[in-house]
N, C-alpha and C. Protein backbone atom coordinates (compact mmCIF):
# COMPACT_ATOMS: atom_id res chain seq x y z
N UNK A 1 45.96 215.59 153.80
CA UNK A 1 46.23 215.82 155.19
C UNK A 1 47.73 215.94 155.36
N UNK A 2 48.11 216.72 156.34
CA UNK A 2 49.52 216.94 156.61
C UNK A 2 49.80 216.68 158.07
N UNK A 3 50.88 215.98 158.35
CA UNK A 3 51.33 215.82 159.73
C UNK A 3 51.98 217.12 160.14
N UNK A 4 51.51 217.72 161.22
CA UNK A 4 51.97 219.06 161.60
C UNK A 4 51.84 219.24 163.10
N UNK A 5 52.39 220.30 163.62
CA UNK A 5 52.25 220.68 165.02
C UNK A 5 51.15 221.74 165.12
N UNK A 6 50.38 221.74 166.22
CA UNK A 6 49.31 222.75 166.35
C UNK A 6 49.88 224.14 166.58
N UNK A 7 49.20 225.12 166.00
CA UNK A 7 49.51 226.52 166.25
C UNK A 7 48.66 226.99 167.42
N UNK A 8 48.98 228.12 167.99
CA UNK A 8 48.27 228.62 169.17
C UNK A 8 46.78 228.80 168.90
N UNK A 9 46.41 229.18 167.69
CA UNK A 9 45.00 229.44 167.37
C UNK A 9 44.24 228.19 166.92
N UNK A 10 44.92 227.04 166.78
CA UNK A 10 44.28 225.81 166.33
C UNK A 10 43.50 225.13 167.45
N UNK A 11 42.55 224.33 167.05
CA UNK A 11 41.83 223.47 167.99
C UNK A 11 42.33 222.05 167.78
N UNK A 12 42.47 221.30 168.87
CA UNK A 12 42.95 219.93 168.77
C UNK A 12 41.93 218.97 169.39
N UNK A 13 41.91 217.76 168.85
CA UNK A 13 41.06 216.69 169.36
C UNK A 13 41.93 215.45 169.43
N UNK A 14 41.93 214.77 170.58
CA UNK A 14 42.69 213.54 170.74
C UNK A 14 41.73 212.36 170.73
N UNK A 15 41.90 211.45 169.75
CA UNK A 15 41.05 210.27 169.62
C UNK A 15 41.96 209.06 169.47
N UNK A 16 41.81 208.10 170.39
CA UNK A 16 42.63 206.87 170.35
C UNK A 16 44.12 207.18 170.22
N UNK A 17 44.60 208.12 171.04
CA UNK A 17 46.00 208.54 171.06
C UNK A 17 46.47 209.17 169.75
N UNK A 18 45.55 209.62 168.92
CA UNK A 18 45.89 210.31 167.67
C UNK A 18 45.34 211.73 167.74
N UNK A 19 46.23 212.73 167.60
CA UNK A 19 45.79 214.12 167.66
C UNK A 19 45.38 214.61 166.28
N UNK A 20 44.22 215.26 166.22
CA UNK A 20 43.75 215.91 165.00
C UNK A 20 43.74 217.40 165.25
N UNK A 21 44.24 218.16 164.29
CA UNK A 21 44.39 219.61 164.43
C UNK A 21 43.52 220.30 163.38
N UNK A 22 42.72 221.27 163.83
CA UNK A 22 41.87 222.04 162.94
C UNK A 22 42.17 223.51 163.14
N UNK A 23 42.31 224.26 162.05
CA UNK A 23 42.43 225.70 162.21
C UNK A 23 41.06 226.26 162.59
N UNK A 24 41.03 227.47 163.10
CA UNK A 24 39.79 228.07 163.61
C UNK A 24 38.71 228.15 162.53
N UNK A 25 39.07 228.50 161.31
CA UNK A 25 38.09 228.61 160.23
C UNK A 25 37.44 227.25 159.95
N UNK A 26 38.25 226.23 159.83
CA UNK A 26 37.73 224.89 159.55
C UNK A 26 36.83 224.40 160.68
N UNK A 27 37.25 224.62 161.91
CA UNK A 27 36.45 224.17 163.06
C UNK A 27 35.08 224.83 163.08
N UNK A 28 34.98 226.08 162.68
CA UNK A 28 33.69 226.79 162.66
C UNK A 28 32.81 226.35 161.48
N UNK A 29 33.42 225.84 160.43
CA UNK A 29 32.70 225.46 159.22
C UNK A 29 31.84 224.22 159.41
N UNK A 30 32.29 223.29 160.22
CA UNK A 30 31.60 222.01 160.37
C UNK A 30 30.66 222.04 161.56
N UNK A 31 29.36 221.90 161.28
CA UNK A 31 28.38 221.85 162.36
C UNK A 31 27.84 220.43 162.53
N UNK A 32 28.39 219.47 161.78
CA UNK A 32 28.01 218.06 161.89
C UNK A 32 29.24 217.27 162.34
N UNK A 33 29.02 216.08 162.92
CA UNK A 33 30.17 215.24 163.28
C UNK A 33 30.97 214.84 162.04
N UNK A 34 32.29 214.85 162.16
CA UNK A 34 33.17 214.43 161.07
C UNK A 34 33.58 212.99 161.28
N UNK A 35 33.71 212.25 160.19
CA UNK A 35 34.19 210.87 160.26
C UNK A 35 35.39 210.74 159.33
N UNK A 36 36.48 210.21 159.86
CA UNK A 36 37.67 209.92 159.06
C UNK A 36 37.79 208.41 158.96
N UNK A 37 37.66 207.88 157.75
CA UNK A 37 37.68 206.44 157.53
C UNK A 37 38.85 206.12 156.62
N UNK A 38 39.34 204.87 156.68
CA UNK A 38 40.48 204.48 155.86
C UNK A 38 40.19 203.19 155.09
N UNK A 39 40.60 203.18 153.85
CA UNK A 39 40.53 202.00 153.00
C UNK A 39 41.88 201.86 152.30
N UNK A 40 42.41 200.63 152.24
CA UNK A 40 43.71 200.44 151.58
C UNK A 40 43.66 200.85 150.11
N UNK A 41 42.53 200.65 149.46
CA UNK A 41 42.42 200.99 148.04
C UNK A 41 42.22 202.48 147.80
N UNK A 42 41.45 203.16 148.68
CA UNK A 42 41.09 204.56 148.43
C UNK A 42 41.81 205.55 149.34
N UNK A 43 42.53 205.11 150.34
CA UNK A 43 43.15 206.03 151.28
C UNK A 43 42.12 206.50 152.29
N UNK A 44 42.31 207.70 152.83
CA UNK A 44 41.40 208.24 153.84
C UNK A 44 40.21 208.94 153.18
N UNK A 45 39.07 208.88 153.87
CA UNK A 45 37.86 209.57 153.41
C UNK A 45 37.33 210.39 154.58
N UNK A 46 37.06 211.66 154.34
CA UNK A 46 36.50 212.56 155.34
C UNK A 46 35.05 212.84 154.98
N UNK A 47 34.14 212.56 155.92
CA UNK A 47 32.72 212.72 155.62
C UNK A 47 31.94 213.19 156.84
N UNK A 48 30.73 213.67 156.58
CA UNK A 48 29.75 213.98 157.61
C UNK A 48 28.56 213.06 157.34
N UNK A 49 27.57 213.03 158.23
CA UNK A 49 26.40 212.19 157.95
C UNK A 49 25.68 212.56 156.64
N UNK A 50 25.83 213.79 156.18
CA UNK A 50 25.09 214.22 154.99
C UNK A 50 25.91 214.27 153.70
N UNK A 51 27.26 214.21 153.79
CA UNK A 51 28.04 214.29 152.55
C UNK A 51 29.47 213.80 152.74
N UNK A 52 30.08 213.40 151.61
CA UNK A 52 31.50 213.08 151.59
C UNK A 52 32.24 214.37 151.26
N UNK A 53 33.16 214.78 152.14
CA UNK A 53 33.88 216.03 151.96
C UNK A 53 35.13 215.83 151.11
N UNK A 54 35.82 214.70 151.28
CA UNK A 54 37.03 214.42 150.50
C UNK A 54 37.32 212.94 150.58
N UNK A 55 37.91 212.40 149.52
CA UNK A 55 38.34 211.00 149.54
C UNK A 55 39.65 210.89 148.78
N UNK A 56 40.32 209.77 148.95
CA UNK A 56 41.63 209.61 148.32
C UNK A 56 42.68 210.46 149.01
N UNK A 57 42.46 210.78 150.29
CA UNK A 57 43.40 211.61 151.04
C UNK A 57 44.58 210.76 151.49
N UNK A 58 45.78 211.27 151.35
CA UNK A 58 46.98 210.58 151.81
C UNK A 58 47.75 211.51 152.74
N UNK A 59 48.49 210.93 153.67
CA UNK A 59 49.25 211.72 154.64
C UNK A 59 50.57 212.18 154.05
N UNK A 60 50.99 213.37 154.43
CA UNK A 60 52.31 213.87 154.10
C UNK A 60 52.83 214.64 155.30
N UNK A 61 54.10 214.93 155.31
CA UNK A 61 54.71 215.65 156.43
C UNK A 61 54.97 217.09 156.04
N UNK A 62 54.76 218.01 156.98
CA UNK A 62 55.02 219.42 156.70
C UNK A 62 56.48 219.76 156.91
N UNK A 63 57.25 218.82 157.40
CA UNK A 63 58.67 219.06 157.70
C UNK A 63 59.52 218.78 156.50
């Protein structure tokens, strides 16, 4: 994951004062709810009810 500013074509979601940015392609790809979970040992995990999409995700800055 990258800390970034939204582009005009991106979709944004604000959850608990945290903005999540998805490009149009990614937003259309997911037809299930996404869950972003955090563990100190494994970092962030992105999943849907039916599968784990990515784990061991760490934040970086695009700047």
